[in-house]
Amino acid sequence: MRNESKFCKTQSGTRKLMANGIQGWAVFVCVAVALLGIGLVRGKITAVSAESADKTVVTDAPTTAPFNNRNKFGFKVSRADTIISPNSKVSGNIPAGINVALVNVDTPINFTGSVPASFTGSFDAGDMTHNRPVSCTTLSGVGTAVSYDTVTITNNSTAVANFVVSSSLVGGGACGDNNDTFFTLYNTTFNPAASLTNCLAVNDDISGATNRCSTLSFAIPIGQTRVITVAGFNNVALPTGQFSYQINFTGTIPNAAGVSVGGRVMTSDGRGLRDATITLTLPSGETLQTRASSFGYFNFEDIEAGQNVIVQVNSKNYQFAPQIVTLKDNVTNLEFTPVP
C-alpha cells in the first residue's frame, strides 16, 4: 500500500509538472503572438512572404500605410490585410501579394536664371495614372487612366521668368500616334485625383497629325511655382500608352523682364518708308507708338514676353495689313509692305 501510495504521488507530481509546462508554453506563445501583433501595428515589422530571402528592408519610421495608400518610396498596399511601413525601402524581389507601383517622376527645377537642360522620361505599366483633362473645364473620355509625370518649376530669380516648354522624341524629333503626349499647366500644385483643379492651360499637339508632341508658353512671377504634367494620350493599358519622351526648354528666356519688337516698313519697290507711324497694341488694350527711321526701321523695347501683340503701320500714302506677333523671344525681323 505504501509503495502504491508513493507511486500515485509520483504520478500526481508528474501531471502537475506537465500541466505547469504546458501552461508555461501557452504563456510564452501568447506573449510572442502579442509582441508580433504590436510590432505589426507599429510598423516595426513588415509582413512579407517566404519569397523575401533576397529582399532588403530598411525601416526608419514607426508608422504604417493604410489600405491602397502609397508611401514615399512608391510601394502601394494592394490588400487590406497587408501592412507595410511607408518609410520602408524594399529592394530585390518583391514578396507575392504586394503590388508595387513606381513613383511617378517629378523633375523639380529651381529657376535662378539659367535655361534648364533637356531631360527624358518614360511611361510604362508601373506608372500611376489619372483622368487627364481635355481642357481646363473638361476631363477626357479617352484618357481616363493615362500615365503621367510632372515638372515642377519655381521661379527664384529676380524677375518674371518666361518659359517655352515642348516635348519631343528622345534625341529630338516629331511625335506620332504611338508616342502622343499631352501637356497641362497648373498653378502651384497638381492633384491627380482632381486634375481640373488649378489648371491654367493645356496643349495636345504642336501641329496635329504631323507632330503630336506638345508645347506650352507661360510666365512665372517672382517666387511662384508652376507644375506641368506630361501625360500619354491613351490609357496605359493600350500599347500606344507606353513610350519614352524628352522635355525641351528651347526658347526659354532667363530672367526676361521684357523683349524687343522691331522690323522695317518699306514701299512697294523695297525702299525704307520714313516717318511712318507704328502702333503696338497689348492684350490689355494699351497701345505704344513709335516712328520709322529715315530707312524705315522701328523698334519697341521692354515688352513683356509670353503674350500676343498686334503691330500695325499708318501712313498717308500707303495701306498696310496689321500683324499678330507671339512674343516668345526678341522679334527683330518684322517687315511691312503696302497692300496692293
Protein backbone atom coordinates (compact mmCIF):
# COMPACT_ATOMS: atom_id res chain seq x y z
CA MET A 1 0.00 0.00 0.00
CA ARG A 2 2.83 2.37 0.80
CA ASN A 3 4.53 1.68 -2.48
CA GLU A 4 1.27 2.09 -4.30
CA SER A 5 0.61 5.36 -2.49
CA LYS A 6 4.11 6.57 -3.34
CA PHE A 7 3.57 5.67 -6.95
CA CYS A 8 0.31 7.62 -7.03
CA LYS A 9 2.03 10.65 -5.53
CA THR A 10 4.75 10.40 -8.12
CA GLN A 11 2.21 10.26 -10.91
CA SER A 12 0.35 13.23 -9.46
CA GLY A 13 3.57 15.25 -9.30
CA THR A 14 4.40 14.39 -12.87
CA ARG A 15 0.97 15.54 -14.01
CA LYS A 16 1.46 18.83 -12.16
CA LEU A 17 4.83 19.37 -13.81
CA MET A 18 3.37 18.63 -17.21
CA ALA A 19 0.46 20.97 -16.56
CA ASN A 20 2.81 23.68 -15.42
CA GLY A 21 4.99 23.11 -18.51
CA ILE A 22 2.00 23.34 -20.85
CA GLN A 23 0.83 26.48 -19.10
CA GLY A 24 4.33 27.95 -19.43
CA TRP A 25 4.49 27.22 -23.14
CA ALA A 26 0.99 28.65 -23.57
CA VAL A 27 2.03 31.87 -21.82
CA PHE A 28 5.20 32.06 -23.99
CA VAL A 29 3.18 31.58 -27.19
CA CYS A 30 0.63 34.20 -26.14
CA VAL A 31 3.37 36.71 -25.32
CA ALA A 32 5.14 36.06 -28.65
CA VAL A 33 1.91 36.48 -30.61
CA ALA A 34 1.13 39.69 -28.72
CA LEU A 35 4.60 41.09 -29.40
CA LEU A 36 4.29 40.18 -33.07
CA GLY A 37 0.91 41.92 -33.26
CA ILE A 38 2.28 45.04 -31.58
CA GLY A 39 5.22 45.08 -33.96
CA LEU A 40 2.94 44.82 -36.97
CA VAL A 41 0.62 47.55 -35.71
CA ARG A 42 3.54 49.89 -35.02
CA GLY A 43 5.09 49.22 -38.39
CA LYS A 44 8.34 47.85 -36.95
CA ILE A 45 7.75 44.51 -38.65
CA THR A 46 6.88 44.26 -42.32
CA ALA A 47 4.61 41.41 -43.27
CA VAL A 48 6.21 39.54 -46.18
CA SER A 49 6.02 36.09 -47.70
CA ALA A 50 8.64 33.36 -47.83
CA GLU A 51 9.96 34.91 -51.05
CA SER A 52 11.71 37.67 -49.12
CA ALA A 53 15.10 36.00 -48.80
CA ASP A 54 16.70 38.26 -51.42
CA LYS A 55 14.89 41.44 -50.33
CA THR A 56 16.37 44.15 -48.15
CA VAL A 57 14.12 46.07 -45.76
CA VAL A 58 15.23 49.30 -44.09
CA THR A 59 12.76 50.86 -41.65
CA ASP A 60 13.09 54.42 -40.42
CA ALA A 61 9.68 55.40 -39.08
CA PRO A 62 7.13 53.73 -36.76
CA THR A 63 4.07 54.30 -38.93
CA THR A 64 2.01 52.16 -41.26
CA ALA A 65 0.40 52.71 -44.66
CA PRO A 66 -3.41 52.47 -44.82
CA PHE A 67 -5.12 50.37 -47.46
CA ASN A 68 -4.38 51.46 -51.02
CA ASN A 69 -2.08 54.25 -49.86
CA ARG A 70 1.39 54.93 -51.28
CA ASN A 71 4.50 55.56 -49.23
CA LYS A 72 7.31 57.89 -50.18
CA PHE A 73 9.20 55.10 -51.93
CA GLY A 74 6.18 54.27 -54.07
CA PHE A 75 5.04 50.93 -52.60
CA LYS A 76 1.28 50.56 -52.73
CA VAL A 77 -0.62 48.19 -50.47
CA SER A 78 -2.96 46.18 -52.67
CA ARG A 79 -4.66 44.14 -49.93
CA ALA A 80 -6.37 45.43 -46.82
CA ASP A 81 -4.60 42.84 -44.62
CA THR A 82 -1.11 43.74 -45.80
CA ILE A 83 0.87 46.07 -43.56
CA ILE A 84 3.90 47.82 -44.93
CA SER A 85 5.81 50.72 -43.45
CA PRO A 86 5.54 53.86 -45.57
CA ASN A 87 9.21 54.55 -44.93
CA SER A 88 10.44 51.05 -45.69
CA LYS A 89 12.74 50.86 -48.68
CA VAL A 90 12.36 47.49 -50.39
CA SER A 91 14.79 46.22 -52.98
CA GLY A 92 15.24 42.90 -54.73
CA ASN A 93 12.34 40.54 -55.47
CA ILE A 94 9.07 41.85 -54.04
CA PRO A 95 7.03 39.37 -51.96
CA ALA A 96 3.99 37.80 -53.56
CA GLY A 97 0.72 39.55 -52.74
CA ILE A 98 2.24 43.06 -52.60
CA ASN A 99 1.52 45.25 -55.60
CA VAL A 100 4.49 47.56 -56.18
CA ALA A 101 3.92 50.59 -58.42
CA LEU A 102 6.68 53.01 -59.34
CA VAL A 103 6.57 56.59 -58.13
CA ASN A 104 5.77 58.95 -60.98
CA VAL A 105 8.76 61.02 -61.98
CA ASP A 106 8.74 64.61 -60.75
CA THR A 107 11.53 66.84 -62.03
CA PRO A 108 11.90 69.85 -59.72
CA ILE A 109 13.54 72.92 -61.29
CA ASN A 110 14.80 75.80 -59.18
CA PHE A 111 14.98 78.56 -61.78
CA THR A 112 17.54 81.23 -60.95
CA GLY A 113 18.34 82.42 -64.46
CA SER A 114 19.93 79.52 -66.34
CA VAL A 115 17.87 77.80 -69.01
CA PRO A 116 17.10 74.23 -67.83
CA ALA A 117 18.66 71.39 -69.78
CA SER A 118 16.52 68.91 -71.72
CA PHE A 119 15.70 65.68 -69.93
CA THR A 120 13.99 62.39 -70.75
CA GLY A 121 11.23 60.37 -69.14
CA SER A 122 9.03 57.41 -69.98
CA PHE A 123 5.60 55.93 -69.45
CA ASP A 124 5.20 52.27 -68.58
CA ALA A 125 2.82 49.89 -66.84
CA GLY A 126 4.31 50.76 -63.43
CA ASP A 127 3.36 54.44 -63.55
CA MET A 128 0.49 55.96 -61.62
CA THR A 129 -2.42 57.10 -63.79
CA HIS A 130 -5.13 59.77 -63.77
CA ASN A 131 -8.04 61.02 -65.83
CA ARG A 132 -6.31 63.78 -67.76
CA PRO A 133 -8.07 66.97 -68.85
CA VAL A 134 -9.05 67.73 -72.42
CA SER A 135 -9.43 71.38 -71.36
CA CYS A 136 -9.26 73.19 -68.02
CA THR A 137 -13.01 72.58 -67.59
CA THR A 138 -13.48 69.08 -69.04
CA LEU A 139 -11.99 65.65 -68.34
CA SER A 140 -11.03 63.37 -71.22
CA GLY A 141 -13.26 60.49 -72.22
CA VAL A 142 -10.43 58.52 -73.86
CA GLY A 143 -7.59 59.34 -71.47
CA THR A 144 -9.37 58.13 -68.35
CA ALA A 145 -6.36 56.29 -66.90
CA VAL A 146 -3.25 57.72 -68.56
CA SER A 147 0.25 57.66 -67.13
CA TYR A 148 1.74 61.00 -66.15
CA ASP A 149 4.96 62.61 -64.95
CA THR A 150 5.36 66.12 -63.57
CA VAL A 151 7.78 69.01 -63.92
CA THR A 152 7.70 71.48 -61.01
CA ILE A 153 9.29 74.87 -61.73
CA THR A 154 9.82 77.51 -59.03
CA ASN A 155 10.99 80.94 -60.11
CA ASN A 156 13.61 82.00 -57.58
CA SER A 157 15.14 84.56 -59.93
CA THR A 158 14.84 88.33 -59.58
CA ALA A 159 12.37 88.86 -62.44
CA VAL A 160 9.41 87.30 -64.20
CA ALA A 161 10.62 84.11 -65.90
CA ASN A 162 9.21 83.22 -69.31
CA PHE A 163 9.19 79.60 -70.44
CA VAL A 164 8.69 77.78 -73.72
CA VAL A 165 8.44 74.06 -72.94
CA SER A 166 7.94 71.31 -75.50
CA SER A 167 8.06 67.53 -75.74
CA SER A 168 9.76 65.50 -78.46
CA LEU A 169 11.05 62.03 -79.16
CA VAL A 170 14.19 61.14 -77.23
CA GLY A 171 17.00 62.94 -79.01
CA GLY A 172 14.53 65.33 -80.65
CA GLY A 173 12.03 64.82 -83.42
CA ALA A 174 8.29 64.84 -84.02
CA CYS A 175 5.89 62.60 -82.09
CA GLY A 176 3.50 60.22 -83.81
CA ASP A 177 0.32 58.39 -82.84
CA ASN A 178 2.26 55.80 -80.85
CA ASN A 179 4.01 58.42 -78.71
CA ASP A 180 1.40 61.15 -78.32
CA THR A 181 1.95 63.49 -75.36
CA PHE A 182 -0.47 65.86 -73.62
CA PHE A 183 0.64 68.88 -71.54
CA THR A 184 -1.32 70.52 -68.72
CA LEU A 185 -0.11 73.58 -66.79
CA TYR A 186 -1.09 74.02 -63.12
CA ASN A 187 -0.79 76.88 -60.69
CA THR A 188 1.34 75.88 -57.66
CA THR A 189 0.18 72.26 -57.18
CA PHE A 190 -1.26 69.29 -59.07
CA ASN A 191 -3.65 66.70 -57.60
CA PRO A 192 -4.12 63.61 -59.83
CA ALA A 193 -7.43 62.88 -58.10
CA ALA A 194 -8.74 66.33 -59.12
CA SER A 195 -6.93 67.08 -62.36
CA LEU A 196 -9.01 70.16 -63.22
CA THR A 197 -8.09 71.96 -60.00
CA ASN A 198 -5.51 74.76 -60.51
CA CYS A 199 -5.48 74.12 -64.28
CA LEU A 200 -4.16 77.10 -66.27
CA ALA A 201 -3.63 75.78 -69.81
CA VAL A 202 -3.50 72.60 -71.90
CA ASN A 203 -1.83 71.60 -75.16
CA ASP A 204 -2.27 68.41 -77.16
CA ASP A 205 -0.43 68.60 -80.49
CA ILE A 206 2.15 71.03 -81.84
CA SER A 207 0.85 70.60 -85.39
CA GLY A 208 -1.84 67.94 -85.49
CA ALA A 209 -1.08 64.59 -87.10
CA THR A 210 2.28 65.83 -88.41
CA ASN A 211 3.63 66.33 -84.85
CA ARG A 212 1.74 65.02 -81.84
CA CYS A 213 4.29 66.37 -79.36
CA SER A 214 3.07 69.13 -77.01
CA THR A 215 4.17 72.67 -76.14
CA LEU A 216 3.33 75.43 -73.65
CA SER A 217 4.43 79.06 -73.34
CA PHE A 218 3.92 80.71 -69.96
CA ALA A 219 5.37 83.19 -67.48
CA ILE A 220 6.10 82.55 -63.79
CA PRO A 221 6.08 85.59 -61.48
CA ILE A 222 8.90 86.00 -58.96
CA GLY A 223 8.70 83.41 -56.18
CA GLN A 224 5.80 81.46 -57.67
CA THR A 225 5.56 77.81 -58.78
CA ARG A 226 4.04 76.11 -61.80
CA VAL A 227 3.56 72.39 -62.40
CA ILE A 228 3.47 70.82 -65.86
CA THR A 229 2.06 67.33 -66.29
CA VAL A 230 3.21 65.39 -69.32
CA ALA A 231 0.81 62.53 -69.95
CA GLY A 232 0.11 59.93 -72.55
CA PHE A 233 -2.91 60.48 -74.75
CA ASN A 234 -4.36 56.97 -74.36
CA ASN A 235 -4.84 54.78 -71.31
CA VAL A 236 -1.73 52.95 -70.16
CA ALA A 237 -3.38 49.59 -70.88
CA LEU A 238 -3.08 50.37 -74.59
CA PRO A 239 0.24 49.65 -76.34
CA THR A 240 0.30 53.26 -77.57
CA GLY A 241 0.30 54.48 -73.98
CA GLN A 242 3.83 53.28 -73.19
CA PHE A 243 6.77 55.23 -74.63
CA SER A 244 9.72 57.48 -73.85
CA TYR A 245 9.73 61.24 -74.32
CA GLN A 246 12.01 64.25 -73.98
CA ILE A 247 11.24 67.66 -72.42
CA ASN A 248 12.92 70.70 -74.01
CA PHE A 249 13.22 74.32 -72.88
CA THR A 250 14.17 75.76 -76.27
CA GLY A 251 13.16 79.42 -76.34
CA THR A 252 13.01 79.85 -72.57
CA ILE A 253 14.06 83.38 -71.66
CA PRO A 254 16.05 83.59 -68.41
CA ASN A 255 15.10 86.50 -66.16
CA ALA A 256 13.34 88.20 -69.04
CA ALA A 257 11.62 91.34 -67.82
CA GLY A 258 10.87 92.27 -71.41
CA VAL A 259 11.70 91.65 -75.06
CA SER A 260 12.06 93.91 -78.09
CA VAL A 261 9.82 94.04 -81.16
CA GLY A 262 11.23 95.59 -84.30
CA GLY A 263 11.44 95.49 -88.06
CA ARG A 264 11.16 97.65 -91.15
CA VAL A 265 8.45 99.50 -93.11
CA MET A 266 9.01 99.58 -96.88
CA THR A 267 7.47 100.97 -100.01
CA SER A 268 6.21 98.67 -102.74
CA ASP A 269 9.58 98.84 -104.52
CA GLY A 270 11.52 97.83 -101.38
CA ARG A 271 12.76 101.24 -100.17
CA GLY A 272 12.53 102.18 -96.50
CA LEU A 273 9.49 104.35 -95.66
CA ARG A 274 10.46 107.13 -93.30
CA ASP A 275 8.21 108.69 -90.65
CA ALA A 276 5.52 106.02 -90.84
CA THR A 277 3.69 105.60 -87.50
CA ILE A 278 3.91 102.10 -85.97
CA THR A 279 1.43 101.13 -83.24
CA LEU A 280 1.83 98.13 -80.93
CA THR A 281 -1.34 97.01 -79.12
CA LEU A 282 -1.07 94.85 -75.98
CA PRO A 283 -3.69 92.26 -74.93
CA SER A 284 -4.85 94.70 -72.25
CA GLY A 285 -5.73 97.25 -74.95
CA GLU A 286 -2.83 99.53 -74.09
CA THR A 287 -1.06 100.96 -77.15
CA LEU A 288 2.53 102.03 -77.78
CA GLN A 289 3.68 104.12 -80.72
CA THR A 290 6.93 104.95 -82.49
CA ARG A 291 8.03 106.37 -85.86
CA ALA A 292 10.09 104.69 -88.54
CA SER A 293 13.62 105.98 -89.10
CA SER A 294 14.84 107.53 -92.34
CA PHE A 295 15.44 103.99 -93.66
CA GLY A 296 12.11 102.66 -92.38
CA TYR A 297 13.36 100.80 -89.29
CA PHE A 298 11.45 100.77 -85.97
CA ASN A 299 11.78 99.12 -82.56
CA PHE A 300 9.83 98.73 -79.29
CA GLU A 301 11.77 97.88 -76.11
CA ASP A 302 10.91 96.09 -72.87
CA ILE A 303 7.65 94.42 -73.93
CA GLU A 304 6.55 91.63 -71.59
CA ALA A 305 7.16 88.24 -73.18
CA GLY A 306 4.70 85.38 -73.41
CA GLN A 307 1.84 87.37 -74.93
CA ASN A 308 0.36 88.12 -78.35
CA VAL A 309 0.56 91.71 -79.60
CA ILE A 310 -0.75 93.47 -82.70
CA VAL A 311 1.62 95.63 -84.75
CA GLN A 312 0.20 97.94 -87.40
CA VAL A 313 1.54 100.76 -89.61
CA ASN A 314 -0.18 104.01 -90.52
CA SER A 315 0.95 106.10 -93.49
CA LYS A 316 -0.63 108.89 -95.56
CA ASN A 317 0.30 107.28 -98.86
CA TYR A 318 0.13 103.52 -98.23
CA GLN A 319 -2.09 100.90 -96.58
CA PHE A 320 -0.52 98.09 -94.50
CA ALA A 321 -2.04 94.91 -93.09
CA PRO A 322 -1.61 94.50 -89.29
CA GLN A 323 0.43 91.58 -87.96
CA ILE A 324 -0.18 89.48 -84.83
CA VAL A 325 3.10 88.58 -83.12
CA THR A 326 3.68 85.98 -80.37
CA LEU A 327 6.45 87.23 -78.09
CA LYS A 328 8.45 84.16 -77.14
CA ASP A 329 11.75 85.98 -77.67
CA ASN A 330 13.09 89.18 -79.23
CA VAL A 331 11.46 89.88 -82.62
CA THR A 332 13.69 91.88 -84.96
CA ASN A 333 12.62 90.96 -88.50
CA LEU A 334 9.04 92.17 -88.96
CA GLU A 335 8.50 93.51 -92.48
CA PHE A 336 5.64 95.68 -93.67
CA THR A 337 4.98 96.27 -97.38
CA PRO A 338 1.96 98.10 -98.79
CA VAL A 339 -1.23 96.22 -99.54
CA PRO A 340 -1.75 96.11 -103.37
